[in-house]
N, C-alpha and C. Protein backbone atom coordinates (compact mmCIF):
# COMPACT_ATOMS: atom_id res chain seq x y z
N UNK A 1 -5.10 -21.28 0.74
CA UNK A 1 -3.62 -21.49 0.13
C UNK A 1 -3.24 -20.21 -0.59
N UNK A 2 -1.91 -19.93 -0.46
CA UNK A 2 -1.28 -18.96 -1.12
C UNK A 2 -1.10 -19.29 -2.63
N UNK A 3 -0.96 -18.26 -3.50
CA UNK A 3 -0.81 -18.54 -4.86
C UNK A 3 0.52 -18.98 -5.17
N UNK A 4 0.87 -19.98 -5.85
CA UNK A 4 2.20 -20.41 -6.20
C UNK A 4 2.16 -20.60 -7.90
N UNK A 5 3.26 -21.15 -8.36
CA UNK A 5 3.44 -21.29 -9.76
C UNK A 5 2.23 -22.07 -10.55
N UNK A 6 1.75 -22.99 -9.77
CA UNK A 6 0.76 -23.79 -10.56
C UNK A 6 -0.39 -22.76 -10.88
N UNK A 7 -0.72 -21.68 -10.20
CA UNK A 7 -1.81 -20.88 -10.60
C UNK A 7 -1.34 -20.15 -11.93
N UNK A 8 -0.26 -20.03 -12.22
CA UNK A 8 0.33 -19.24 -13.44
C UNK A 8 0.25 -20.07 -14.68
N UNK A 9 0.09 -21.57 -14.53
CA UNK A 9 -0.04 -22.35 -15.53
C UNK A 9 -1.17 -22.10 -16.60
N UNK A 10 -2.21 -21.52 -15.95
CA UNK A 10 -3.48 -21.20 -16.79
C UNK A 10 -4.06 -19.83 -16.36
N UNK A 11 -3.88 -18.91 -17.19
CA UNK A 11 -4.31 -17.57 -16.96
C UNK A 11 -5.84 -17.36 -16.84
N UNK A 12 -6.54 -18.49 -17.33
CA UNK A 12 -7.92 -18.43 -17.36
C UNK A 12 -8.49 -19.22 -16.27
N UNK A 13 -7.66 -20.00 -15.48
CA UNK A 13 -8.27 -20.83 -14.41
C UNK A 13 -8.95 -20.08 -13.32
N UNK A 14 -10.13 -20.67 -12.82
CA UNK A 14 -10.96 -19.88 -11.90
C UNK A 14 -10.05 -19.73 -10.59
N UNK A 15 -10.28 -18.75 -9.96
CA UNK A 15 -9.58 -18.52 -8.70
C UNK A 15 -10.67 -18.74 -7.69
N UNK A 16 -10.39 -19.60 -6.67
CA UNK A 16 -11.12 -19.68 -5.48
C UNK A 16 -10.83 -18.59 -4.55
N UNK A 17 -11.79 -18.28 -3.70
CA UNK A 17 -11.57 -17.30 -2.76
C UNK A 17 -10.38 -17.59 -1.75
N UNK A 18 -10.28 -18.90 -1.48
CA UNK A 18 -9.16 -19.38 -0.71
C UNK A 18 -7.74 -19.09 -1.40
N UNK A 19 -7.79 -19.25 -2.81
CA UNK A 19 -6.63 -18.95 -3.55
C UNK A 19 -6.13 -17.58 -3.59
N UNK A 20 -7.22 -16.61 -3.41
CA UNK A 20 -7.07 -15.22 -3.28
C UNK A 20 -6.69 -14.54 -1.97
N UNK A 21 -6.50 -15.44 -1.05
CA UNK A 21 -6.31 -14.84 0.40
C UNK A 21 -4.71 -14.68 0.51
N UNK A 22 -4.15 -13.61 1.23
CA UNK A 22 -2.88 -13.38 1.49
C UNK A 22 -2.60 -14.26 2.73
N UNK A 23 -1.44 -14.96 2.63
CA UNK A 23 -1.03 -15.77 3.58
C UNK A 23 -0.51 -15.17 4.99
N UNK A 24 -0.36 -13.76 4.98
CA UNK A 24 0.15 -13.12 5.97
C UNK A 24 -0.97 -12.65 6.79
N UNK A 25 -1.79 -11.77 6.26
CA UNK A 25 -2.96 -11.14 6.96
C UNK A 25 -4.33 -11.85 6.80
N UNK A 26 -4.20 -12.97 6.01
CA UNK A 26 -5.42 -13.75 5.76
C UNK A 26 -6.62 -12.94 5.38
N UNK A 27 -6.41 -12.06 4.52
CA UNK A 27 -7.52 -11.27 3.84
C UNK A 27 -7.25 -11.30 2.20
N UNK A 28 -8.12 -10.82 1.61
CA UNK A 28 -8.07 -10.74 0.18
C UNK A 28 -6.94 -10.12 -0.25
N UNK A 29 -6.32 -10.66 -1.31
CA UNK A 29 -5.01 -10.07 -1.93
C UNK A 29 -5.39 -8.73 -2.42
N UNK A 30 -4.83 -7.71 -1.89
CA UNK A 30 -5.00 -6.35 -2.32
C UNK A 30 -3.71 -5.90 -3.01
N UNK A 31 -3.75 -5.57 -4.31
CA UNK A 31 -2.64 -5.39 -5.10
C UNK A 31 -1.55 -6.29 -4.93
N UNK A 32 -1.78 -7.58 -5.25
CA UNK A 32 -0.73 -8.80 -4.98
C UNK A 32 0.57 -8.45 -5.52
N UNK A 33 1.59 -8.96 -4.73
CA UNK A 33 2.90 -8.82 -5.15
C UNK A 33 3.51 -10.29 -5.20
N UNK A 34 3.87 -10.71 -6.45
CA UNK A 34 4.31 -12.01 -6.56
C UNK A 34 5.89 -11.92 -6.56
N UNK A 35 6.56 -12.62 -5.57
CA UNK A 35 7.93 -12.63 -5.39
C UNK A 35 8.74 -13.63 -6.37
N UNK A 36 9.94 -13.63 -6.36
CA UNK A 36 10.72 -14.45 -7.33
C UNK A 36 10.50 -15.94 -7.01
N UNK A 37 10.22 -16.19 -5.73
CA UNK A 37 10.14 -17.48 -5.41
C UNK A 37 8.70 -18.02 -5.46
N UNK A 38 7.86 -17.26 -6.23
CA UNK A 38 6.48 -17.53 -6.61
C UNK A 38 5.42 -17.47 -5.53
N UNK A 39 5.87 -16.96 -4.38
CA UNK A 39 4.94 -16.79 -3.26
C UNK A 39 4.25 -15.29 -3.33
N UNK A 40 3.06 -15.24 -3.16
CA UNK A 40 2.31 -13.95 -3.53
C UNK A 40 1.64 -13.50 -2.07
N UNK A 41 1.74 -12.21 -2.01
CA UNK A 41 1.20 -11.78 -0.80
C UNK A 41 0.64 -10.20 -1.06
N UNK A 42 -0.28 -9.77 -0.19
CA UNK A 42 -0.77 -8.43 -0.63
C UNK A 42 0.28 -7.29 -0.44
N UNK A 43 0.07 -6.19 -1.17
CA UNK A 43 1.03 -5.12 -1.07
C UNK A 43 1.34 -4.49 0.22
N UNK A 44 0.14 -4.43 1.02
CA UNK A 44 0.44 -3.80 2.40
C UNK A 44 1.33 -4.68 3.24
N UNK A 45 1.14 -6.02 3.09
CA UNK A 45 1.92 -7.08 3.81
C UNK A 45 3.35 -7.02 3.28
N UNK A 46 3.41 -6.85 1.97
CA UNK A 46 4.80 -6.83 1.37
C UNK A 46 5.42 -5.65 2.02
N UNK A 47 4.77 -4.54 2.06
CA UNK A 47 5.52 -3.31 2.54
C UNK A 47 5.99 -3.39 4.10
N UNK A 48 5.17 -4.17 4.88
CA UNK A 48 5.29 -4.27 6.22
C UNK A 48 6.46 -5.39 6.59
N UNK A 49 6.19 -6.44 5.89
CA UNK A 49 7.08 -7.64 6.22
C UNK A 49 8.30 -7.68 5.43
N UNK A 50 8.36 -7.04 4.20
CA UNK A 50 9.47 -7.34 3.28
C UNK A 50 10.32 -6.00 3.22
N UNK A 51 9.57 -5.11 2.40
CA UNK A 51 10.23 -3.93 2.22
C UNK A 51 10.65 -3.12 3.39
N UNK A 52 10.15 -3.11 4.34
CA UNK A 52 10.43 -2.18 5.64
C UNK A 52 11.05 -3.15 6.52
N UNK A 53 11.27 -4.45 6.34
CA UNK A 53 11.78 -5.37 7.39
C UNK A 53 12.99 -5.97 6.91
N UNK A 54 13.04 -7.15 6.44
CA UNK A 54 14.16 -7.83 6.36
C UNK A 54 14.48 -8.26 4.74
N UNK A 55 13.53 -7.87 3.84
CA UNK A 55 13.77 -8.10 2.39
C UNK A 55 13.90 -9.54 2.17
N UNK A 56 13.14 -10.49 2.81
CA UNK A 56 13.12 -11.73 2.66
C UNK A 56 11.58 -12.20 2.46
N UNK A 57 11.46 -13.12 1.61
CA UNK A 57 10.09 -13.64 1.65
C UNK A 57 9.60 -14.31 2.98
N UNK A 58 8.48 -13.79 3.46
CA UNK A 58 8.06 -14.23 4.79
C UNK A 58 7.64 -15.64 4.91
N UNK A 59 7.55 -16.25 3.75
CA UNK A 59 7.18 -17.67 3.67
C UNK A 59 8.33 -18.77 3.71
N UNK A 60 9.16 -18.47 2.62
CA UNK A 60 10.41 -19.49 2.56
C UNK A 60 11.73 -18.77 2.92
N UNK A 61 11.66 -17.42 3.12
CA UNK A 61 12.90 -16.72 3.65
C UNK A 61 13.86 -16.46 2.51
N UNK A 62 13.44 -16.79 1.34
CA UNK A 62 14.39 -16.32 0.17
C UNK A 62 14.74 -14.80 0.23
N UNK A 63 15.80 -14.49 0.05
CA UNK A 63 16.17 -13.01 0.06
C UNK A 63 15.63 -12.40 -1.31
N UNK A 64 15.01 -11.22 -1.34
CA UNK A 64 14.53 -10.64 -2.62
C UNK A 64 14.89 -9.14 -2.63
N UNK A 65 15.89 -8.81 -1.85
CA UNK A 65 16.35 -7.46 -1.65
C UNK A 65 16.47 -6.78 -3.12
N UNK A 66 17.38 -7.42 -3.97
CA UNK A 66 17.67 -6.78 -5.33
C UNK A 66 16.53 -6.79 -6.15
N UNK A 67 15.65 -7.78 -6.19
CA UNK A 67 14.54 -7.85 -6.83
C UNK A 67 13.49 -6.72 -6.49
N UNK A 68 13.35 -6.53 -5.14
CA UNK A 68 12.57 -5.61 -4.58
C UNK A 68 12.79 -4.14 -4.98
N UNK A 69 14.22 -3.96 -4.84
CA UNK A 69 14.58 -2.48 -5.12
C UNK A 69 14.37 -2.16 -6.59
N UNK A 70 14.71 -3.25 -7.44
CA UNK A 70 14.64 -2.97 -8.95
C UNK A 70 13.18 -2.61 -9.19
N UNK A 71 12.16 -3.41 -8.84
CA UNK A 71 10.79 -3.19 -9.19
C UNK A 71 10.22 -2.13 -8.43
N UNK A 72 10.74 -1.84 -7.25
CA UNK A 72 10.28 -0.56 -6.67
C UNK A 72 10.64 0.63 -7.36
N UNK A 73 11.85 0.71 -7.87
CA UNK A 73 12.32 1.82 -8.78
C UNK A 73 11.55 1.94 -10.09
N UNK A 74 11.15 0.83 -10.57
CA UNK A 74 10.42 0.70 -11.86
C UNK A 74 8.88 0.81 -11.69
N UNK A 75 8.36 0.78 -10.42
CA UNK A 75 7.04 0.76 -10.20
C UNK A 75 6.32 -0.57 -10.83
N UNK A 76 6.94 -1.53 -10.69
CA UNK A 76 6.39 -2.87 -11.15
C UNK A 76 6.22 -3.80 -10.18
N UNK A 77 6.08 -3.58 -8.99
CA UNK A 77 5.95 -4.51 -7.93
C UNK A 77 4.52 -5.33 -7.91
N UNK A 78 3.47 -4.47 -8.37
CA UNK A 78 2.13 -5.19 -8.34
C UNK A 78 2.01 -6.13 -9.39
N UNK A 79 1.55 -7.40 -9.27
CA UNK A 79 1.18 -8.19 -10.25
C UNK A 79 -0.07 -7.93 -10.93
N UNK A 80 0.15 -7.12 -11.95
CA UNK A 80 -1.23 -6.40 -12.47
C UNK A 80 -2.10 -7.54 -12.99
N UNK A 81 -1.53 -8.57 -13.66
CA UNK A 81 -2.39 -9.57 -14.38
C UNK A 81 -3.18 -10.29 -13.36
N UNK A 82 -2.59 -10.57 -12.06
CA UNK A 82 -3.32 -11.49 -11.17
C UNK A 82 -4.26 -10.37 -10.46
N UNK A 83 -3.80 -9.18 -10.18
CA UNK A 83 -4.76 -8.34 -9.54
C UNK A 83 -6.04 -8.03 -10.37
N UNK A 84 -5.73 -7.96 -11.73
CA UNK A 84 -7.01 -7.79 -12.59
C UNK A 84 -7.91 -9.26 -12.39
N UNK A 85 -7.33 -10.23 -12.38
CA UNK A 85 -8.19 -11.52 -12.16
C UNK A 85 -8.96 -11.49 -10.81
N UNK A 86 -8.20 -11.01 -9.72
CA UNK A 86 -8.79 -11.16 -8.36
C UNK A 86 -9.99 -10.09 -8.40
N UNK A 87 -9.75 -8.87 -8.87
CA UNK A 87 -10.86 -7.85 -9.00
C UNK A 87 -12.05 -8.27 -9.87
N UNK A 88 -11.72 -9.11 -10.88
CA UNK A 88 -12.91 -9.54 -11.71
C UNK A 88 -13.54 -10.68 -11.21
N UNK A 89 -12.88 -11.48 -10.27
CA UNK A 89 -13.52 -12.70 -9.74
C UNK A 89 -14.35 -12.21 -8.40
N UNK A 90 -13.79 -11.37 -7.70
CA UNK A 90 -14.45 -10.90 -6.44
C UNK A 90 -14.38 -9.40 -6.34
N UNK A 91 -15.32 -8.75 -7.16
CA UNK A 91 -15.17 -7.27 -7.02
C UNK A 91 -15.64 -6.71 -5.73
N UNK A 92 -16.76 -7.24 -5.09
CA UNK A 92 -17.13 -6.82 -3.88
C UNK A 92 -16.25 -6.93 -2.69
N UNK A 93 -15.51 -7.88 -2.67
CA UNK A 93 -14.58 -8.31 -1.62
C UNK A 93 -13.45 -7.23 -1.82
N UNK A 94 -13.06 -6.97 -3.09
CA UNK A 94 -11.94 -6.09 -3.36
C UNK A 94 -12.36 -4.56 -2.91
N UNK A 95 -13.57 -4.25 -3.17
CA UNK A 95 -14.03 -2.96 -2.58
C UNK A 95 -14.07 -2.96 -1.09
N UNK A 96 -14.50 -3.85 -0.44
CA UNK A 96 -14.31 -3.90 0.95
C UNK A 96 -12.91 -3.84 1.54
N UNK A 97 -12.11 -4.68 0.96
CA UNK A 97 -10.73 -4.66 1.43
C UNK A 97 -9.97 -3.29 1.11
N UNK A 98 -10.33 -2.66 -0.14
CA UNK A 98 -9.76 -1.38 -0.44
C UNK A 98 -10.23 -0.35 0.52
N UNK A 99 -11.52 -0.52 0.98
CA UNK A 99 -12.13 0.40 1.83
C UNK A 99 -11.72 0.27 3.25
N UNK A 100 -10.98 -0.79 3.55
CA UNK A 100 -10.48 -0.92 4.87
C UNK A 100 -11.60 -1.74 5.84
N UNK A 101 -12.51 -2.40 5.21
CA UNK A 101 -13.55 -3.13 5.88
C UNK A 101 -13.02 -4.40 6.20
N UNK A 102 -13.32 -5.08 7.28
CA UNK A 102 -12.83 -6.46 7.59
C UNK A 102 -13.55 -7.50 6.95
N UNK A 103 -13.08 -8.57 6.68
CA UNK A 103 -13.79 -9.71 6.10
C UNK A 103 -14.73 -10.33 7.19
N UNK A 104 -15.81 -10.95 6.85
CA UNK A 104 -16.72 -11.57 7.72
C UNK A 104 -16.11 -12.68 8.56
N UNK A 105 -15.04 -13.50 7.74
CA UNK A 105 -14.59 -14.68 8.49
C UNK A 105 -13.20 -14.82 7.87
N UNK A 106 -12.33 -15.47 8.72
CA UNK A 106 -10.95 -15.81 8.22
C UNK A 106 -10.95 -17.14 7.54
N UNK A 107 -10.41 -17.24 6.52
CA UNK A 107 -10.31 -18.42 5.86
C UNK A 107 -9.37 -19.41 6.41
N UNK A 108 -8.15 -19.02 6.77
CA UNK A 108 -7.23 -19.95 7.34
C UNK A 108 -6.18 -19.10 8.05
N UNK A 109 -5.45 -19.71 8.95
CA UNK A 109 -4.19 -19.03 9.52
C UNK A 109 -2.99 -19.71 8.97
N UNK A 110 -2.17 -18.93 8.70
CA UNK A 110 -0.87 -19.49 8.05
C UNK A 110 0.30 -19.02 8.88
N UNK A 111 1.14 -19.86 9.38
CA UNK A 111 2.41 -19.49 10.18
C UNK A 111 3.64 -19.86 9.26
N UNK A 112 4.31 -18.68 8.77
CA UNK A 112 5.51 -19.07 7.96
C UNK A 112 6.56 -19.78 8.78
N UNK A 113 7.29 -20.80 8.16
CA UNK A 113 8.22 -21.43 8.76
C UNK A 113 9.50 -20.51 9.14
N UNK A 114 10.00 -20.67 10.21
CA UNK A 114 11.24 -19.81 10.42
C UNK A 114 12.34 -20.46 9.54
N UNK A 115 13.32 -19.64 9.11
CA UNK A 115 14.38 -20.05 8.42
C UNK A 115 15.46 -18.78 8.34
N UNK A 116 16.58 -19.30 8.74
CA UNK A 116 17.72 -18.36 8.86
C UNK A 116 18.41 -18.29 7.48
N UNK A 117 19.10 -17.23 7.30
CA UNK A 117 19.93 -17.10 6.08
C UNK A 117 21.07 -18.09 6.19
N UNK A 118 21.46 -18.60 4.95
CA UNK A 118 22.47 -19.56 4.77
C UNK A 118 23.78 -18.83 5.14
N UNK A 119 24.81 -19.65 5.53
CA UNK A 119 25.92 -19.07 5.89
C UNK A 119 26.72 -18.42 4.77
N UNK A 120 27.02 -17.11 5.01
CA UNK A 120 27.78 -16.28 3.90
C UNK A 120 26.73 -15.72 2.96
N UNK A 121 25.36 -16.06 3.00
CA UNK A 121 24.49 -15.31 2.12
C UNK A 121 24.42 -13.92 2.26
N UNK A 122 24.44 -13.37 3.31
CA UNK A 122 24.13 -12.01 3.58
C UNK A 122 25.57 -11.25 3.00
N UNK A 123 26.73 -11.86 3.28
CA UNK A 123 27.95 -11.37 2.80
C UNK A 123 28.08 -11.30 1.22
N UNK A 124 27.61 -12.41 0.60
CA UNK A 124 27.50 -12.57 -0.82
C UNK A 124 26.81 -11.50 -1.51
N UNK A 125 25.48 -11.31 -0.91
CA UNK A 125 24.70 -10.30 -1.50
C UNK A 125 25.15 -8.93 -1.26
N UNK A 126 25.80 -8.68 0.02
CA UNK A 126 26.40 -7.40 0.26
C UNK A 126 27.64 -7.10 -0.81
N UNK A 127 28.32 -8.22 -1.05
CA UNK A 127 29.47 -7.92 -1.92
C UNK A 127 29.02 -7.71 -3.31
N UNK A 128 27.92 -8.53 -3.78
CA UNK A 128 27.35 -8.38 -5.02
C UNK A 128 26.91 -6.88 -5.33
N UNK A 129 26.31 -6.27 -4.22
CA UNK A 129 25.65 -4.96 -4.32
C UNK A 129 26.86 -4.01 -4.37
N UNK A 130 28.05 -4.18 -3.66
CA UNK A 130 29.15 -3.54 -3.79
C UNK A 130 29.84 -3.43 -5.20
N UNK A 131 29.94 -4.56 -5.77
CA UNK A 131 30.38 -4.82 -7.10
C UNK A 131 29.54 -4.05 -8.10
N UNK A 132 28.17 -4.20 -7.90
CA UNK A 132 27.27 -3.40 -8.77
C UNK A 132 27.52 -1.93 -8.76
N UNK A 133 27.45 -1.44 -7.45
CA UNK A 133 27.81 -0.07 -7.22
C UNK A 133 29.11 0.39 -7.80
N UNK A 134 30.20 -0.40 -7.64
CA UNK A 134 31.47 -0.04 -8.19
C UNK A 134 31.31 0.06 -9.77
N UNK A 135 30.63 -1.15 -10.58
CA UNK A 135 30.76 -1.03 -11.78
C UNK A 135 29.70 0.26 -12.30
N UNK A 136 28.73 0.56 -11.68
CA UNK A 136 27.92 1.81 -12.07
C UNK A 136 28.79 2.98 -11.82
N UNK A 137 29.71 3.09 -10.89
CA UNK A 137 30.51 4.30 -10.65
C UNK A 137 31.51 4.33 -11.86
N UNK A 138 32.13 3.33 -12.09
CA UNK A 138 33.09 3.24 -13.17
C UNK A 138 32.44 3.57 -14.46
N UNK A 139 31.29 3.08 -14.74
CA UNK A 139 30.49 3.40 -16.04
C UNK A 139 30.24 4.87 -15.95
N UNK A 140 29.88 5.59 -14.92
CA UNK A 140 29.76 6.92 -14.88
C UNK A 140 30.91 7.65 -15.01
N UNK A 141 32.12 7.23 -14.48
CA UNK A 141 33.31 8.01 -14.64
C UNK A 141 33.70 7.98 -16.12
N UNK A 142 33.43 6.75 -16.75
CA UNK A 142 33.88 6.52 -18.13
C UNK A 142 33.05 7.44 -18.98
N UNK A 143 31.84 7.50 -18.71
CA UNK A 143 30.85 8.23 -19.62
C UNK A 143 31.24 9.91 -19.37
N UNK A 144 31.65 10.24 -18.08
CA UNK A 144 31.98 11.59 -17.98
C UNK A 144 33.52 11.91 -18.54
N UNK A 145 34.31 10.95 -18.52
CA UNK A 145 35.51 11.01 -19.22
C UNK A 145 35.50 11.39 -20.69
N UNK A 146 34.58 10.44 -21.33
CA UNK A 146 34.41 10.55 -22.79
C UNK A 146 33.69 11.92 -23.10
N UNK A 147 32.78 12.34 -22.25
CA UNK A 147 32.00 13.67 -22.50
C UNK A 147 33.07 14.76 -22.30
N UNK A 148 33.88 14.64 -21.30
CA UNK A 148 35.02 15.65 -21.07
C UNK A 148 36.04 15.76 -22.33
N UNK A 149 36.48 14.56 -22.87
CA UNK A 149 37.23 14.49 -24.04
C UNK A 149 36.58 15.05 -25.22
N UNK A 150 35.36 14.79 -25.39
CA UNK A 150 34.60 15.40 -26.69
C UNK A 150 34.59 16.89 -26.51
N UNK A 151 34.35 17.37 -25.29
CA UNK A 151 34.15 18.73 -25.09
C UNK A 151 35.58 19.48 -25.30
N UNK A 152 36.61 18.81 -24.87
CA UNK A 152 37.86 19.33 -25.12
C UNK A 152 38.24 19.45 -26.62
N UNK A 153 37.97 18.30 -27.19
CA UNK A 153 38.10 18.34 -28.73
C UNK A 153 37.33 19.38 -29.41
N UNK A 154 36.13 19.58 -29.02
CA UNK A 154 35.33 20.56 -29.59
C UNK A 154 35.85 21.98 -29.41
N UNK A 155 36.33 22.30 -28.10
CA UNK A 155 37.01 23.57 -27.96
C UNK A 155 38.40 23.79 -28.70
N UNK A 156 39.10 22.69 -28.89
CA UNK A 156 40.29 22.65 -29.63
C UNK A 156 39.95 22.92 -31.16
N UNK A 157 38.97 22.35 -31.67
CA UNK A 157 38.51 22.53 -33.06
C UNK A 157 38.04 24.00 -33.26
N UNK A 158 37.39 24.44 -32.40
CA UNK A 158 36.83 25.80 -32.54
C UNK A 158 37.92 26.80 -32.26
N UNK A 159 39.01 26.51 -31.57
CA UNK A 159 40.15 27.43 -31.53
C UNK A 159 41.00 27.39 -32.84
N UNK A 160 41.17 26.27 -33.35
CA UNK A 160 41.70 25.99 -34.57
C UNK A 160 41.09 26.75 -35.77
N UNK A 161 39.66 26.59 -35.73
CA UNK A 161 38.94 27.36 -36.74
C UNK A 161 39.07 28.85 -36.60
N UNK A 162 39.10 29.27 -35.33
CA UNK A 162 39.28 30.79 -35.27
C UNK A 162 40.61 31.22 -35.68
N UNK A 163 41.55 30.33 -35.31
CA UNK A 163 43.03 30.74 -35.73
C UNK A 163 43.21 30.87 -37.29
N UNK A 164 42.64 29.79 -37.96
CA UNK A 164 42.52 29.71 -39.40
C UNK A 164 41.88 30.90 -39.96
N UNK A 165 40.72 31.32 -39.43
CA UNK A 165 40.05 32.46 -39.92
C UNK A 165 40.79 33.78 -39.63
N UNK A 166 41.32 33.79 -38.62
CA UNK A 166 42.29 35.04 -38.35
C UNK A 166 43.44 35.09 -39.41
N UNK A 167 43.94 34.07 -39.61
CA UNK A 167 45.03 34.01 -40.41
C UNK A 167 44.58 34.34 -41.88
N UNK A 168 43.42 33.88 -42.34
CA UNK A 168 42.79 34.24 -43.61
C UNK A 168 42.63 35.73 -43.68
N UNK A 169 42.13 36.36 -42.52
CA UNK A 169 41.83 37.82 -42.48
C UNK A 169 43.05 38.45 -42.68
N UNK A 170 43.98 38.12 -42.05
CA UNK A 170 45.35 38.75 -42.04
C UNK A 170 46.00 38.73 -43.60
N UNK A 171 45.78 37.60 -44.25
CA UNK A 171 46.41 37.68 -45.61
C UNK A 171 45.44 38.52 -46.39
N UNK A 172 44.16 38.58 -46.27
CA UNK A 172 43.38 39.37 -47.05
C UNK A 172 43.68 40.87 -46.92
N UNK A 173 43.99 41.25 -45.52
CA UNK A 173 44.33 42.65 -45.25
C UNK A 173 45.61 42.87 -46.01
N UNK A 174 46.64 42.06 -45.96
CA UNK A 174 47.97 42.29 -46.55
C UNK A 174 47.75 42.32 -48.11
N UNK A 175 46.87 41.44 -48.63
CA UNK A 175 46.71 41.53 -50.08
C UNK A 175 45.96 42.93 -50.47
N UNK A 176 45.09 43.30 -49.68
CA UNK A 176 44.32 44.58 -49.98
C UNK A 176 45.46 45.75 -49.78
N UNK A 177 46.16 45.69 -48.80
CA UNK A 177 47.26 46.70 -48.77
C UNK A 177 48.23 46.78 -49.90
N UNK A 178 48.52 45.54 -50.36
CA UNK A 178 49.48 45.62 -51.64
C UNK A 178 48.86 46.09 -52.85
N UNK A 179 47.38 45.76 -52.95
CA UNK A 179 46.77 46.43 -54.03
C UNK A 179 46.57 47.83 -53.99
N UNK A 180 46.32 48.32 -52.72
CA UNK A 180 46.23 49.85 -52.65
C UNK A 180 47.61 50.51 -52.96
N UNK A 181 48.68 49.81 -52.56
CA UNK A 181 49.96 50.48 -52.81
C UNK A 181 50.23 50.60 -54.32
N UNK A 182 49.81 49.51 -55.00
CA UNK A 182 49.97 49.44 -56.49
C UNK A 182 49.22 50.50 -57.11
N UNK A 183 47.98 50.55 -56.70
CA UNK A 183 47.10 51.53 -57.18
C UNK A 183 47.62 52.90 -57.08
N UNK A 184 48.10 53.14 -55.88
CA UNK A 184 48.67 54.45 -55.49
C UNK A 184 49.86 54.71 -56.44
N UNK A 185 50.67 53.89 -56.61
CA UNK A 185 51.84 54.04 -57.44
C UNK A 185 51.32 54.39 -58.90
N UNK A 186 50.42 53.66 -59.32
CA UNK A 186 49.87 53.73 -60.77
C UNK A 186 49.25 55.14 -60.85
N UNK A 187 48.53 55.63 -59.95
CA UNK A 187 48.00 57.05 -60.10
C UNK A 187 49.07 58.06 -60.08
N UNK A 188 50.08 57.84 -59.22
CA UNK A 188 51.15 58.69 -58.98
C UNK A 188 51.85 58.85 -60.47
N UNK A 189 52.08 57.71 -61.07
CA UNK A 189 52.80 57.76 -62.24
C UNK A 189 52.02 58.40 -63.44
N UNK A 190 50.67 58.20 -63.49
CA UNK A 190 49.85 58.82 -64.27
C UNK A 190 49.95 60.29 -64.13
N UNK A 191 49.78 60.75 -62.90
CA UNK A 191 49.83 62.14 -62.57
C UNK A 191 51.15 62.82 -63.01
N UNK A 192 52.30 62.12 -62.82
CA UNK A 192 53.56 62.58 -63.00
C UNK A 192 53.78 62.75 -64.64
N UNK A 193 53.29 61.74 -65.29
CA UNK A 193 53.41 61.84 -66.75
C UNK A 193 52.61 62.82 -67.29
N UNK A 194 51.41 63.15 -66.79
CA UNK A 194 50.50 64.13 -67.24
C UNK A 194 51.12 65.56 -67.08
N UNK A 195 51.76 65.71 -65.84
CA UNK A 195 52.45 67.02 -65.58
C UNK A 195 53.57 67.24 -66.58
N UNK A 196 54.27 66.17 -66.81
CA UNK A 196 55.36 66.24 -67.70
C UNK A 196 54.82 66.64 -69.12
N UNK A 197 53.77 66.05 -69.53
CA UNK A 197 53.37 66.27 -70.80
C UNK A 197 52.87 67.85 -70.92
N UNK A 198 52.25 68.28 -70.04
CA UNK A 198 51.76 69.67 -69.85
C UNK A 198 53.00 70.68 -69.92
N UNK A 199 53.93 70.22 -69.26
CA UNK A 199 55.13 71.18 -69.20
C UNK A 199 55.80 71.23 -70.50
N UNK A 200 55.95 70.00 -71.14
CA UNK A 200 56.60 70.10 -72.55
C UNK A 200 55.73 70.70 -73.49
N UNK A 201 54.39 70.69 -73.39
CA UNK A 201 53.54 71.35 -74.24
C UNK A 201 53.71 72.92 -74.12
N UNK A 202 53.63 73.44 -72.81
CA UNK A 202 53.71 74.81 -72.67
C UNK A 202 55.17 75.32 -73.17
N UNK A 203 56.10 74.48 -72.97
CA UNK A 203 57.57 75.18 -73.37
C UNK A 203 57.61 75.18 -74.98
N UNK A 204 56.87 74.26 -75.63
CA UNK A 204 56.79 74.47 -77.09
C UNK A 204 56.11 75.58 -77.43
């Protein structure tokens, strides 16, 4: 029997060997993947029958494409909690399965019921993916636009700061030039008065 939601009601419930068998390959669940429909299969079977095939649950035919892509990107496909329980309950069987050794006997044979997609189901999922991609594109464009505006504002602020600094320097130069001229006139007046004084003194 494959694992379904009833097994999740008690995390401490004992797992029988039959409960730990993959319904596809009929071997011990290796790195089990629990789908949104609560059907569980081993990771190798998931890769062969779901990820690389039709992105549907091989048992009930529920489409899991969006779920699978999300968890594949986030590396969260494996049901770690269940996998830990299976390894704890059947360590030797897990080692044999991981080493590629065949089980001594097959517990049962399961034939998944055939089921076609509902009318319009593929189109709905396709349109949903298109809408999601469009929303992500618009979000990226909006983010890029904001970043561009911030960069432009930063450049304008830097240019304004440089202009103000240049204007301040110009005024400082003009003020220094004015002070220099006043000092030069003062020195010229002092020198002229001194010469006039000397000339008057010599004449007397």
